[in-house]
């Protein structure tokens, strides 16, 4: 998750730094849309990382240290949380990450194809 967060931040930083060079080859509308999509992706990465880390810390308090032969429900609770709200927040943040990357790539690709 950290690598994906760093990668999305590097792409966003590169897009913001080389914005004038990109605008010469890609229409400004596509650059703005891709930038917004990358911001959504960065926020999704941060939320996902925070949720996973906090769920794991909570699970250590509740279940103790991780064991080799734990039941699947405990393994799932360690990763996704023990309540429905924690589970939904992980799903929403992962969707933000995935859709942000998808739409950023789509807008850049459409901008390159559009003369």
PDB file of N, CA and C in Angstrom:
ATOM      1  N   UNK A   1       0.827  -1.180   0.000  1.00  0.00           N
ATOM      2  CA  UNK A   1       0.000   0.000   0.000  1.00  0.00           C
ATOM      3  C   UNK A   1       0.878   1.252   0.000  1.00  0.00           C
ATOM      4  N   UNK A   2       1.994   1.178   0.733  1.00  0.00           N
ATOM      5  CA  UNK A   2       2.890   2.335   0.755  1.00  0.00           C
ATOM      6  C   UNK A   2       3.456   2.620  -0.629  1.00  0.00           C
ATOM      7  N   UNK A   3       3.826   1.569  -1.348  1.00  0.00           N
ATOM      8  CA  UNK A   3       4.398   1.745  -2.680  1.00  0.00           C
ATOM      9  C   UNK A   3       3.374   2.375  -3.611  1.00  0.00           C
ATOM     10  N   UNK A   4       2.121   1.929  -3.523  1.00  0.00           N
ATOM     11  CA  UNK A   4       1.070   2.505  -4.356  1.00  0.00           C
ATOM     12  C   UNK A   4       0.822   3.964  -3.996  1.00  0.00           C
ATOM     13  N   UNK A   5       0.888   4.296  -2.722  1.00  0.00           N
ATOM     14  CA  UNK A   5       0.727   5.684  -2.294  1.00  0.00           C
ATOM     15  C   UNK A   5       1.855   6.550  -2.832  1.00  0.00           C
ATOM     16  N   UNK A   6       3.083   6.073  -2.726  1.00  0.00           N
ATOM     17  CA  UNK A   6       4.230   6.834  -3.217  1.00  0.00           C
ATOM     18  C   UNK A   6       4.160   6.979  -4.724  1.00  0.00           C
ATOM     19  N   UNK A   7       3.780   5.906  -5.418  1.00  0.00           N
ATOM     20  CA  UNK A   7       3.675   5.961  -6.873  1.00  0.00           C
ATOM     21  C   UNK A   7       2.630   6.977  -7.324  1.00  0.00           C
ATOM     22  N   UNK A   8       1.467   6.978  -6.689  1.00  0.00           N
ATOM     23  CA  UNK A   8       0.428   7.940  -7.074  1.00  0.00           C
ATOM     24  C   UNK A   8       0.843   9.367  -6.743  1.00  0.00           C
ATOM     25  N   UNK A   9       1.562   9.568  -5.630  1.00  0.00           N
ATOM     26  CA  UNK A   9       2.057  10.907  -5.312  1.00  0.00           C
ATOM     27  C   UNK A   9       3.117  11.367  -6.311  1.00  0.00           C
ATOM     28  N   UNK A  10       3.978  10.451  -6.754  1.00  0.00           N
ATOM     29  CA  UNK A  10       4.982  10.803  -7.760  1.00  0.00           C
ATOM     30  C   UNK A  10       4.340  11.167  -9.091  1.00  0.00           C
ATOM     31  N   UNK A  11       3.328  10.414  -9.489  1.00  0.00           N
ATOM     32  CA  UNK A  11       2.627  10.716 -10.745  1.00  0.00           C
ATOM     33  C   UNK A  11       1.931  12.071 -10.643  1.00  0.00           C
ATOM     34  N   UNK A  12       1.280  12.312  -9.520  1.00  0.00           N
ATOM     35  CA  UNK A  12       0.599  13.597  -9.326  1.00  0.00           C
ATOM     36  C   UNK A  12       1.602  14.739  -9.307  1.00  0.00           C
ATOM     37  N   UNK A  13       2.713  14.565  -8.608  1.00  0.00           N
ATOM     38  CA  UNK A  13       3.738  15.597  -8.572  1.00  0.00           C
ATOM     39  C   UNK A  13       4.324  15.860  -9.949  1.00  0.00           C
ATOM     40  N   UNK A  14       4.586  14.799 -10.696  1.00  0.00           N
ATOM     41  CA  UNK A  14       5.091  14.965 -12.049  1.00  0.00           C
ATOM     42  C   UNK A  14       4.111  15.678 -12.941  1.00  0.00           C
ATOM     43  N   UNK A  15       2.829  15.380 -12.763  1.00  0.00           N
ATOM     44  CA  UNK A  15       1.809  16.038 -13.575  1.00  0.00           C
ATOM     45  C   UNK A  15       1.713  17.520 -13.220  1.00  0.00           C
ATOM     46  N   UNK A  16       1.839  17.840 -11.946  1.00  0.00           N
ATOM     47  CA  UNK A  16       1.758  19.239 -11.542  1.00  0.00           C
ATOM     48  C   UNK A  16       3.019  20.012 -11.936  1.00  0.00           C
ATOM     49  N   UNK A  17       4.180  19.371 -11.875  1.00  0.00           N
ATOM     50  CA  UNK A  17       5.427  20.051 -12.237  1.00  0.00           C
ATOM     51  C   UNK A  17       5.512  20.282 -13.742  1.00  0.00           C
ATOM     52  N   UNK A  18       5.205  19.244 -14.522  1.00  0.00           N
ATOM     53  CA  UNK A  18       5.337  19.340 -15.978  1.00  0.00           C
ATOM     54  C   UNK A  18       4.005  19.660 -16.656  1.00  0.00           C
ATOM     55  N   UNK A  19       3.165  20.417 -15.975  1.00  0.00           N
ATOM     56  CA  UNK A  19       1.833  20.729 -16.493  1.00  0.00           C
ATOM     57  C   UNK A  19       1.887  21.494 -17.814  1.00  0.00           C
ATOM     58  N   UNK A  20       2.792  22.465 -17.937  1.00  0.00           N
ATOM     59  CA  UNK A  20       2.861  23.260 -19.169  1.00  0.00           C
ATOM     60  C   UNK A  20       3.326  22.409 -20.343  1.00  0.00           C
ATOM     61  N   UNK A  21       4.251  21.492 -20.090  1.00  0.00           N
ATOM     62  CA  UNK A  21       4.692  20.608 -21.170  1.00  0.00           C
ATOM     63  C   UNK A  21       3.580  19.646 -21.587  1.00  0.00           C
ATOM     64  N   UNK A  22       2.815  19.175 -20.618  1.00  0.00           N
ATOM     65  CA  UNK A  22       1.711  18.263 -20.933  1.00  0.00           C
ATOM     66  C   UNK A  22       0.597  18.977 -21.683  1.00  0.00           C
ATOM     67  N   UNK A  23       0.365  20.249 -21.339  1.00  0.00           N
ATOM     68  CA  UNK A  23      -0.708  20.991 -21.999  1.00  0.00           C
ATOM     69  C   UNK A  23      -0.412  21.262 -23.465  1.00  0.00           C
ATOM     70  N   UNK A  24       0.857  21.184 -23.858  1.00  0.00           N
ATOM     71  CA  UNK A  24       1.199  21.353 -25.259  1.00  0.00           C
ATOM     72  C   UNK A  24       0.767  20.144 -26.085  1.00  0.00           C
ATOM     73  N   UNK A  25       0.735  18.958 -25.476  1.00  0.00           N
ATOM     74  CA  UNK A  25       0.358  17.748 -26.212  1.00  0.00           C
ATOM     75  C   UNK A  25      -1.050  17.279 -25.880  1.00  0.00           C
ATOM     76  N   UNK A  26      -1.533  17.594 -24.690  1.00  0.00           N
ATOM     77  CA  UNK A  26      -2.860  17.144 -24.249  1.00  0.00           C
ATOM     78  C   UNK A  26      -3.711  18.365 -23.934  1.00  0.00           C
ATOM     79  N   UNK A  27      -4.992  18.298 -24.250  1.00  0.00           N
ATOM     80  CA  UNK A  27      -5.921  19.405 -23.984  1.00  0.00           C
ATOM     81  C   UNK A  27      -5.993  19.670 -22.478  1.00  0.00           C
ATOM     82  N   UNK A  28      -6.191  20.938 -22.106  1.00  0.00           N
ATOM     83  CA  UNK A  28      -6.197  21.340 -20.696  1.00  0.00           C
ATOM     84  C   UNK A  28      -7.317  20.647 -19.907  1.00  0.00           C
ATOM     85  N   UNK A  29      -8.456  20.390 -20.547  1.00  0.00           N
ATOM     86  CA  UNK A  29      -9.572  19.723 -19.876  1.00  0.00           C
ATOM     87  C   UNK A  29      -9.156  18.341 -19.377  1.00  0.00           C
ATOM     88  N   UNK A  30      -8.445  17.589 -20.201  1.00  0.00           N
ATOM     89  CA  UNK A  30      -8.031  16.245 -19.811  1.00  0.00           C
ATOM     90  C   UNK A  30      -6.988  16.285 -18.696  1.00  0.00           C
ATOM     91  N   UNK A  31      -6.120  17.280 -18.713  1.00  0.00           N
ATOM     92  CA  UNK A  31      -5.116  17.424 -17.653  1.00  0.00           C
ATOM     93  C   UNK A  31      -5.794  17.725 -16.323  1.00  0.00           C
ATOM     94  N   UNK A  32      -6.773  18.644 -16.327  1.00  0.00           N
ATOM     95  CA  UNK A  32      -7.486  18.978 -15.098  1.00  0.00           C
ATOM     96  C   UNK A  32      -8.246  17.772 -14.556  1.00  0.00           C
ATOM     97  N   UNK A  33      -8.906  17.038 -15.439  1.00  0.00           N
ATOM     98  CA  UNK A  33      -9.660  15.867 -15.005  1.00  0.00           C
ATOM     99  C   UNK A  33      -8.742  14.775 -14.463  1.00  0.00           C
ATOM    100  N   UNK A  34      -7.605  14.573 -15.111  1.00  0.00           N
ATOM    101  CA  UNK A  34      -6.650  13.575 -14.627  1.00  0.00           C
ATOM    102  C   UNK A  34      -6.052  13.989 -13.283  1.00  0.00           C
ATOM    103  N   UNK A  35      -5.834  15.275 -13.094  1.00  0.00           N
ATOM    104  CA  UNK A  35      -5.299  15.758 -11.819  1.00  0.00           C
ATOM    105  C   UNK A  35      -6.294  15.535 -10.691  1.00  0.00           C
ATOM    106  N   UNK A  36      -7.556  15.835 -10.938  1.00  0.00           N
ATOM    107  CA  UNK A  36      -8.589  15.605  -9.923  1.00  0.00           C
ATOM    108  C   UNK A  36      -8.693  14.109  -9.611  1.00  0.00           C
ATOM    109  N   UNK A  37      -8.628  13.266 -10.629  1.00  0.00           N
ATOM    110  CA  UNK A  37      -8.691  11.831 -10.418  1.00  0.00           C
ATOM    111  C   UNK A  37      -7.499  11.341  -9.605  1.00  0.00           C
ATOM    112  N   UNK A  38      -6.332  11.884  -9.863  1.00  0.00           N
ATOM    113  CA  UNK A  38      -5.156  11.489  -9.084  1.00  0.00           C
ATOM    114  C   UNK A  38      -5.238  11.965  -7.641  1.00  0.00           C
ATOM    115  N   UNK A  39      -5.837  13.134  -7.413  1.00  0.00           N
ATOM    116  CA  UNK A  39      -6.042  13.572  -6.030  1.00  0.00           C
ATOM    117  C   UNK A  39      -6.977  12.618  -5.298  1.00  0.00           C
ATOM    118  N   UNK A  40      -8.021  12.169  -5.968  1.00  0.00           N
ATOM    119  CA  UNK A  40      -8.938  11.200  -5.368  1.00  0.00           C
ATOM    120  C   UNK A  40      -8.192   9.904  -5.059  1.00  0.00           C
ATOM    121  N   UNK A  41      -7.316   9.493  -5.960  1.00  0.00           N
ATOM    122  CA  UNK A  41      -6.516   8.292  -5.747  1.00  0.00           C
ATOM    123  C   UNK A  41      -5.588   8.443  -4.550  1.00  0.00           C
ATOM    124  N   UNK A  42      -4.943   9.588  -4.417  1.00  0.00           N
ATOM    125  CA  UNK A  42      -4.034   9.822  -3.296  1.00  0.00           C
ATOM    126  C   UNK A  42      -4.798   9.805  -1.977  1.00  0.00           C
ATOM    127  N   UNK A  43      -5.964  10.435  -1.956  1.00  0.00           N
ATOM    128  CA  UNK A  43      -6.794  10.423  -0.748  1.00  0.00           C
ATOM    129  C   UNK A  43      -7.238   8.996  -0.430  1.00  0.00           C
ATOM    130  N   UNK A  44      -7.621   8.229  -1.457  1.00  0.00           N
ATOM    131  CA  UNK A  44      -8.001   6.830  -1.254  1.00  0.00           C
ATOM    132  C   UNK A  44      -6.859   5.991  -0.720  1.00  0.00           C
ATOM    133  N   UNK A  45      -5.636   6.235  -1.212  1.00  0.00           N
ATOM    134  CA  UNK A  45      -4.460   5.513  -0.699  1.00  0.00           C
ATOM    135  C   UNK A  45      -4.245   5.815   0.776  1.00  0.00           C
ATOM    136  N   UNK A  46      -4.327   7.089   1.120  1.00  0.00           N
ATOM    137  CA  UNK A  46      -4.134   7.475   2.519  1.00  0.00           C
ATOM    138  C   UNK A  46      -5.182   6.888   3.436  1.00  0.00           C
ATOM    139  N   UNK A  47      -6.431   6.948   3.008  1.00  0.00           N
ATOM    140  CA  UNK A  47      -7.506   6.371   3.822  1.00  0.00           C
ATOM    141  C   UNK A  47      -7.371   4.864   3.970  1.00  0.00           C
ATOM    142  N   UNK A  48      -7.014   4.190   2.889  1.00  0.00           N
ATOM    143  CA  UNK A  48      -6.850   2.738   2.944  1.00  0.00           C
ATOM    144  C   UNK A  48      -5.717   2.367   3.893  1.00  0.00           C
ATOM    145  N   UNK A  49      -4.597   3.045   3.763  1.00  0.00           N
ATOM    146  CA  UNK A  49      -3.459   2.755   4.641  1.00  0.00           C
ATOM    147  C   UNK A  49      -3.824   3.026   6.100  1.00  0.00           C
ATOM    148  N   UNK A  50      -4.485   4.151   6.367  1.00  0.00           N
ATOM    149  CA  UNK A  50      -4.885   4.476   7.736  1.00  0.00           C
ATOM    150  C   UNK A  50      -5.857   3.436   8.283  1.00  0.00           C
ATOM    151  N   UNK A  51      -6.851   3.047   7.484  1.00  0.00           N
ATOM    152  CA  UNK A  51      -7.830   2.063   7.946  1.00  0.00           C
ATOM    153  C   UNK A  51      -7.186   0.711   8.219  1.00  0.00           C
ATOM    154  N   UNK A  52      -6.314   0.267   7.333  1.00  0.00           N
ATOM    155  CA  UNK A  52      -5.657  -1.026   7.540  1.00  0.00           C
ATOM    156  C   UNK A  52      -4.778  -0.999   8.785  1.00  0.00           C
ATOM    157  N   UNK A  53      -4.028   0.082   8.966  1.00  0.00           N
ATOM    158  CA  UNK A  53      -3.152   0.169  10.141  1.00  0.00           C
ATOM    159  C   UNK A  53      -3.955   0.244  11.432  1.00  0.00           C
ATOM    160  N   UNK A  54      -5.016   1.043  11.443  1.00  0.00           N
ATOM    161  CA  UNK A  54      -5.812   1.158  12.668  1.00  0.00           C
ATOM    162  C   UNK A  54      -6.572  -0.131  12.966  1.00  0.00           C
ATOM    163  N   UNK A  55      -7.055  -0.818  11.931  1.00  0.00           N
ATOM    164  CA  UNK A  55      -7.733  -2.098  12.171  1.00  0.00           C
ATOM    165  C   UNK A  55      -6.773  -3.132  12.733  1.00  0.00           C
ATOM    166  N   UNK A  56      -5.547  -3.145  12.254  1.00  0.00           N
ATOM    167  CA  UNK A  56      -4.580  -4.110  12.760  1.00  0.00           C
ATOM    168  C   UNK A  56      -4.206  -3.804  14.209  1.00  0.00           C
ATOM    169  N   UNK A  57      -4.047  -2.518  14.539  1.00  0.00           N
ATOM    170  CA  UNK A  57      -3.737  -2.146  15.927  1.00  0.00           C
ATOM    171  C   UNK A  57      -4.889  -2.508  16.862  1.00  0.00           C
ATOM    172  N   UNK A  58      -6.124  -2.284  16.409  1.00  0.00           N
ATOM    173  CA  UNK A  58      -7.283  -2.645  17.219  1.00  0.00           C
ATOM    174  C   UNK A  58      -7.373  -4.151  17.410  1.00  0.00           C
ATOM    175  N   UNK A  59      -7.036  -4.908  16.361  1.00  0.00           N
ATOM    176  CA  UNK A  59      -7.133  -6.365  16.465  1.00  0.00           C
ATOM    177  C   UNK A  59      -6.093  -6.936  17.417  1.00  0.00           C
ATOM    178  N   UNK A  60      -4.945  -6.285  17.532  1.00  0.00           N
ATOM    179  CA  UNK A  60      -3.948  -6.747  18.496  1.00  0.00           C
ATOM    180  C   UNK A  60      -4.457  -6.547  19.912  1.00  0.00           C
ATOM    181  N   UNK A  61      -5.158  -5.430  20.136  1.00  0.00           N
ATOM    182  CA  UNK A  61      -5.736  -5.202  21.464  1.00  0.00           C
ATOM    183  C   UNK A  61      -6.850  -6.205  21.770  1.00  0.00           C
ATOM    184  N   UNK A  62      -7.651  -6.533  20.758  1.00  0.00           N
ATOM    185  CA  UNK A  62      -8.796  -7.421  20.975  1.00  0.00           C
ATOM    186  C   UNK A  62      -8.382  -8.888  21.004  1.00  0.00           C
ATOM    187  N   UNK A  63      -7.629  -9.340  19.994  1.00  0.00           N
ATOM    188  CA  UNK A  63      -7.322 -10.762  19.834  1.00  0.00           C
ATOM    189  C   UNK A  63      -5.926 -11.154  20.290  1.00  0.00           C
ATOM    190  N   UNK A  64      -5.068 -10.207  20.569  1.00  0.00           N
ATOM    191  CA  UNK A  64      -3.689 -10.518  20.930  1.00  0.00           C
ATOM    192  C   UNK A  64      -2.820 -10.625  19.694  1.00  0.00           C
ATOM    193  N   UNK A  65      -1.617 -11.113  19.882  1.00  0.00           N
ATOM    194  CA  UNK A  65      -0.676 -11.246  18.772  1.00  0.00           C
ATOM    195  C   UNK A  65      -1.174 -12.295  17.770  1.00  0.00           C
ATOM    196  N   UNK A  66      -0.706 -12.156  16.558  1.00  0.00           N
ATOM    197  CA  UNK A  66      -1.128 -13.029  15.466  1.00  0.00           C
ATOM    198  C   UNK A  66      -0.546 -14.435  15.664  1.00  0.00           C
ATOM    199  N   UNK A  67      -1.393 -15.432  15.445  1.00  0.00           N
ATOM    200  CA  UNK A  67      -0.977 -16.828  15.586  1.00  0.00           C
ATOM    201  C   UNK A  67      -1.057 -17.519  14.231  1.00  0.00           C
ATOM    202  N   UNK A  68      -0.388 -18.651  14.138  1.00  0.00           N
ATOM    203  CA  UNK A  68      -0.329 -19.371  12.866  1.00  0.00           C
ATOM    204  C   UNK A  68      -1.672 -19.977  12.478  1.00  0.00           C
ATOM    205  N   UNK A  69      -2.366 -20.598  13.400  1.00  0.00           N
ATOM    206  CA  UNK A  69      -3.606 -21.322  13.087  1.00  0.00           C
ATOM    207  C   UNK A  69      -4.840 -20.590  13.623  1.00  0.00           C
ATOM    208  N   UNK A  70      -4.992 -19.340  13.236  1.00  0.00           N
ATOM    209  CA  UNK A  70      -6.170 -18.572  13.634  1.00  0.00           C
ATOM    210  C   UNK A  70      -7.339 -18.903  12.714  1.00  0.00           C
ATOM    211  N   UNK A  71      -8.560 -18.775  13.223  1.00  0.00           N
ATOM    212  CA  UNK A  71      -9.718 -18.942  12.337  1.00  0.00           C
ATOM    213  C   UNK A  71      -9.778 -17.828  11.299  1.00  0.00           C
ATOM    214  N   UNK A  72     -10.474 -18.115  10.206  1.00  0.00           N
ATOM    215  CA  UNK A  72     -10.586 -17.137   9.118  1.00  0.00           C
ATOM    216  C   UNK A  72     -11.295 -15.859   9.557  1.00  0.00           C
ATOM    217  N   UNK A  73     -12.239 -15.970  10.470  1.00  0.00           N
ATOM    218  CA  UNK A  73     -12.956 -14.782  10.924  1.00  0.00           C
ATOM    219  C   UNK A  73     -12.022 -13.822  11.662  1.00  0.00           C
ATOM    220  N   UNK A  74     -11.073 -14.350  12.407  1.00  0.00           N
ATOM    221  CA  UNK A  74     -10.122 -13.499  13.106  1.00  0.00           C
ATOM    222  C   UNK A  74      -9.158 -12.859  12.108  1.00  0.00           C
ATOM    223  N   UNK A  75      -8.723 -13.620  11.102  1.00  0.00           N
ATOM    224  CA  UNK A  75      -7.843 -13.065  10.073  1.00  0.00           C
ATOM    225  C   UNK A  75      -8.537 -11.947   9.309  1.00  0.00           C
ATOM    226  N   UNK A  76      -9.818 -12.157   8.997  1.00  0.00           N
ATOM    227  CA  UNK A  76     -10.578 -11.129   8.287  1.00  0.00           C
ATOM    228  C   UNK A  76     -10.780  -9.897   9.164  1.00  0.00           C
ATOM    229  N   UNK A  77     -11.035 -10.112  10.457  1.00  0.00           N
ATOM    230  CA  UNK A  77     -11.216  -8.984  11.375  1.00  0.00           C
ATOM    231  C   UNK A  77      -9.919  -8.200  11.544  1.00  0.00           C
ATOM    232  N   UNK A  78      -8.782  -8.883  11.480  1.00  0.00           N
ATOM    233  CA  UNK A  78      -7.502  -8.173  11.582  1.00  0.00           C
ATOM    234  C   UNK A  78      -7.291  -7.237  10.397  1.00  0.00           C
ATOM    235  N   UNK A  79      -7.715  -7.656   9.233  1.00  0.00           N
ATOM    236  CA  UNK A  79      -7.485  -6.861   8.027  1.00  0.00           C
ATOM    237  C   UNK A  79      -8.582  -5.824   7.786  1.00  0.00           C
ATOM    238  N   UNK A  80      -9.832  -6.254   7.823  1.00  0.00           N
ATOM    239  CA  UNK A  80     -10.951  -5.379   7.453  1.00  0.00           C
ATOM    240  C   UNK A  80     -11.681  -4.756   8.627  1.00  0.00           C
ATOM    241  N   UNK A  81     -11.383  -5.133   9.832  1.00  0.00           N
ATOM    242  CA  UNK A  81     -12.070  -4.591  10.993  1.00  0.00           C
ATOM    243  C   UNK A  81     -13.170  -5.514  11.460  1.00  0.00           C
ATOM    244  N   UNK A  82     -13.646  -5.240  12.655  1.00  0.00           N
ATOM    245  CA  UNK A  82     -14.639  -6.130  13.248  1.00  0.00           C
ATOM    246  C   UNK A  82     -16.060  -5.608  13.125  1.00  0.00           C
ATOM    247  N   UNK A  83     -16.249  -4.354  12.704  1.00  0.00           N
ATOM    248  CA  UNK A  83     -17.598  -3.811  12.556  1.00  0.00           C
ATOM    249  C   UNK A  83     -17.907  -3.568  11.081  1.00  0.00           C
ATOM    250  N   UNK A  84     -19.180  -3.398  10.784  1.00  0.00           N
ATOM    251  CA  UNK A  84     -19.589  -3.136   9.403  1.00  0.00           C
ATOM    252  C   UNK A  84     -19.085  -1.777   8.919  1.00  0.00           C
ATOM    253  N   UNK A  85     -19.032  -0.804   9.810  1.00  0.00           N
ATOM    254  CA  UNK A  85     -18.548   0.522   9.434  1.00  0.00           C
ATOM    255  C   UNK A  85     -17.083   0.475   9.007  1.00  0.00           C
ATOM    256  N   UNK A  86     -16.264  -0.263   9.755  1.00  0.00           N
ATOM    257  CA  UNK A  86     -14.849  -0.394   9.385  1.00  0.00           C
ATOM    258  C   UNK A  86     -14.708  -1.112   8.052  1.00  0.00           C
ATOM    259  N   UNK A  87     -15.503  -2.137   7.851  1.00  0.00           N
ATOM    260  CA  UNK A  87     -15.465  -2.896   6.599  1.00  0.00           C
ATOM    261  C   UNK A  87     -15.875  -2.005   5.417  1.00  0.00           C
ATOM    262  N   UNK A  88     -16.950  -1.232   5.582  1.00  0.00           N
ATOM    263  CA  UNK A  88     -17.402  -0.343   4.509  1.00  0.00           C
ATOM    264  C   UNK A  88     -16.400   0.779   4.227  1.00  0.00           C
ATOM    265  N   UNK A  89     -15.747   1.273   5.263  1.00  0.00           N
ATOM    266  CA  UNK A  89     -14.768   2.334   5.034  1.00  0.00           C
ATOM    267  C   UNK A  89     -13.561   1.810   4.261  1.00  0.00           C
ATOM    268  N   UNK A  90     -13.158   0.564   4.499  1.00  0.00           N
ATOM    269  CA  UNK A  90     -12.070  -0.040   3.714  1.00  0.00           C
ATOM    270  C   UNK A  90     -12.512  -0.190   2.262  1.00  0.00           C
ATOM    271  N   UNK A  91     -13.710  -0.684   2.033  1.00  0.00           N
ATOM    272  CA  UNK A  91     -14.205  -0.893   0.668  1.00  0.00           C
ATOM    273  C   UNK A  91     -14.300   0.440  -0.075  1.00  0.00           C
ATOM    274  N   UNK A  92     -14.808   1.470   0.570  1.00  0.00           N
ATOM    275  CA  UNK A  92     -14.944   2.778  -0.077  1.00  0.00           C
ATOM    276  C   UNK A  92     -13.576   3.372  -0.412  1.00  0.00           C
ATOM    277  N   UNK A  93     -12.622   3.249   0.504  1.00  0.00           N
ATOM    278  CA  UNK A  93     -11.294   3.812   0.231  1.00  0.00           C
ATOM    279  C   UNK A  93     -10.573   3.036  -0.872  1.00  0.00           C
ATOM    280  N   UNK A  94     -10.757   1.735  -0.950  1.00  0.00           N
ATOM    281  CA  UNK A  94     -10.164   0.954  -2.035  1.00  0.00           C
ATOM    282  C   UNK A  94     -10.821   1.319  -3.367  1.00  0.00           C
ATOM    283  N   UNK A  95     -12.120   1.551  -3.358  1.00  0.00           N
ATOM    284  CA  UNK A  95     -12.803   1.985  -4.584  1.00  0.00           C
ATOM    285  C   UNK A  95     -12.319   3.371  -5.019  1.00  0.00           C
ATOM    286  N   UNK A  96     -12.084   4.279  -4.070  1.00  0.00           N
ATOM    287  CA  UNK A  96     -11.539   5.584  -4.413  1.00  0.00           C
ATOM    288  C   UNK A  96     -10.174   5.435  -5.081  1.00  0.00           C
ATOM    289  N   UNK A  97      -9.362   4.568  -4.538  1.00  0.00           N
ATOM    290  CA  UNK A  97      -8.035   4.322  -5.096  1.00  0.00           C
ATOM    291  C   UNK A  97      -8.120   3.765  -6.503  1.00  0.00           C
ATOM    292  N   UNK A  98      -8.942   2.743  -6.681  1.00  0.00           N
ATOM    293  CA  UNK A  98      -9.043   2.085  -7.987  1.00  0.00           C
ATOM    294  C   UNK A  98      -9.660   3.007  -9.040  1.00  0.00           C
ATOM    295  N   UNK A  99     -10.756   3.659  -8.706  1.00  0.00           N
ATOM    296  CA  UNK A  99     -11.405   4.541  -9.677  1.00  0.00           C
ATOM    297  C   UNK A  99     -10.556   5.765  -9.978  1.00  0.00           C
ATOM    298  N   UNK A 100      -9.818   6.266  -8.986  1.00  0.00           N
ATOM    299  CA  UNK A 100      -8.933   7.401  -9.234  1.00  0.00           C
ATOM    300  C   UNK A 100      -7.850   7.055 -10.235  1.00  0.00           C
ATOM    301  N   UNK A 101      -7.213   5.905 -10.056  1.00  0.00           N
ATOM    302  CA  UNK A 101      -6.187   5.481 -11.011  1.00  0.00           C
ATOM    303  C   UNK A 101      -6.783   5.210 -12.383  1.00  0.00           C
ATOM    304  N   UNK A 102      -7.930   4.547 -12.409  1.00  0.00           N
ATOM    305  CA  UNK A 102      -8.564   4.199 -13.679  1.00  0.00           C
ATOM    306  C   UNK A 102      -8.917   5.446 -14.478  1.00  0.00           C
ATOM    307  N   UNK A 103      -9.592   6.404 -13.841  1.00  0.00           N
ATOM    308  CA  UNK A 103     -10.020   7.597 -14.564  1.00  0.00           C
ATOM    309  C   UNK A 103      -8.846   8.507 -14.919  1.00  0.00           C
ATOM    310  N   UNK A 104      -7.807   8.548 -14.091  1.00  0.00           N
ATOM    311  CA  UNK A 104      -6.628   9.332 -14.444  1.00  0.00           C
ATOM    312  C   UNK A 104      -5.978   8.766 -15.705  1.00  0.00           C
ATOM    313  N   UNK A 105      -5.808   7.451 -15.740  1.00  0.00           N
ATOM    314  CA  UNK A 105      -5.229   6.825 -16.936  1.00  0.00           C
ATOM    315  C   UNK A 105      -6.143   7.021 -18.143  1.00  0.00           C
ATOM    316  N   UNK A 106      -7.446   6.909 -17.939  1.00  0.00           N
ATOM    317  CA  UNK A 106      -8.403   7.075 -19.034  1.00  0.00           C
ATOM    318  C   UNK A 106      -8.364   8.495 -19.597  1.00  0.00           C
ATOM    319  N   UNK A 107      -8.336   9.511 -18.725  1.00  0.00           N
ATOM    320  CA  UNK A 107      -8.295  10.894 -19.203  1.00  0.00           C
ATOM    321  C   UNK A 107      -6.988  11.201 -19.927  1.00  0.00           C
ATOM    322  N   UNK A 108      -5.881  10.686 -19.417  1.00  0.00           N
ATOM    323  CA  UNK A 108      -4.606  10.920 -20.100  1.00  0.00           C
ATOM    324  C   UNK A 108      -4.602  10.218 -21.454  1.00  0.00           C
ATOM    325  N   UNK A 109      -5.094   9.001 -21.501  1.00  0.00           N
ATOM    326  CA  UNK A 109      -5.135   8.254 -22.763  1.00  0.00           C
ATOM    327  C   UNK A 109      -6.068   8.928 -23.766  1.00  0.00           C
ATOM    328  N   UNK A 110      -7.241   9.366 -23.308  1.00  0.00           N
ATOM    329  CA  UNK A 110      -8.169  10.066 -24.203  1.00  0.00           C
ATOM    330  C   UNK A 110      -7.574  11.387 -24.688  1.00  0.00           C
ATOM    331  N   UNK A 111      -6.841  12.069 -23.810  1.00  0.00           N
ATOM    332  CA  UNK A 111      -6.206  13.312 -24.224  1.00  0.00           C
ATOM    333  C   UNK A 111      -5.124  13.102 -25.253  1.00  0.00           C
ATOM    334  N   UNK A 112      -4.411  11.986 -25.154  1.00  0.00           N
ATOM    335  CA  UNK A 112      -3.382  11.687 -26.150  1.00  0.00           C
ATOM    336  C   UNK A 112      -3.993  11.302 -27.497  1.00  0.00           C
ATOM    337  N   UNK A 113      -5.153  10.660 -27.464  1.00  0.00           N
ATOM    338  CA  UNK A 113      -5.809  10.256 -28.716  1.00  0.00           C
ATOM    339  C   UNK A 113      -6.556  11.397 -29.378  1.00  0.00           C
ATOM    340  N   UNK A 114      -7.020  12.358 -28.590  1.00  0.00           N
ATOM    341  CA  UNK A 114      -7.788  13.476 -29.119  1.00  0.00           C
ATOM    342  C   UNK A 114      -6.825  14.533 -29.684  1.00  0.00           C
ATOM    343  N   UNK A 115      -6.900  14.805 -30.985  1.00  0.00           N
ATOM    344  CA  UNK A 115      -5.959  15.783 -31.560  1.00  0.00           C
ATOM    345  C   UNK A 115      -6.283  17.208 -31.179  1.00  0.00           C
TER     346      UNK A 115
END
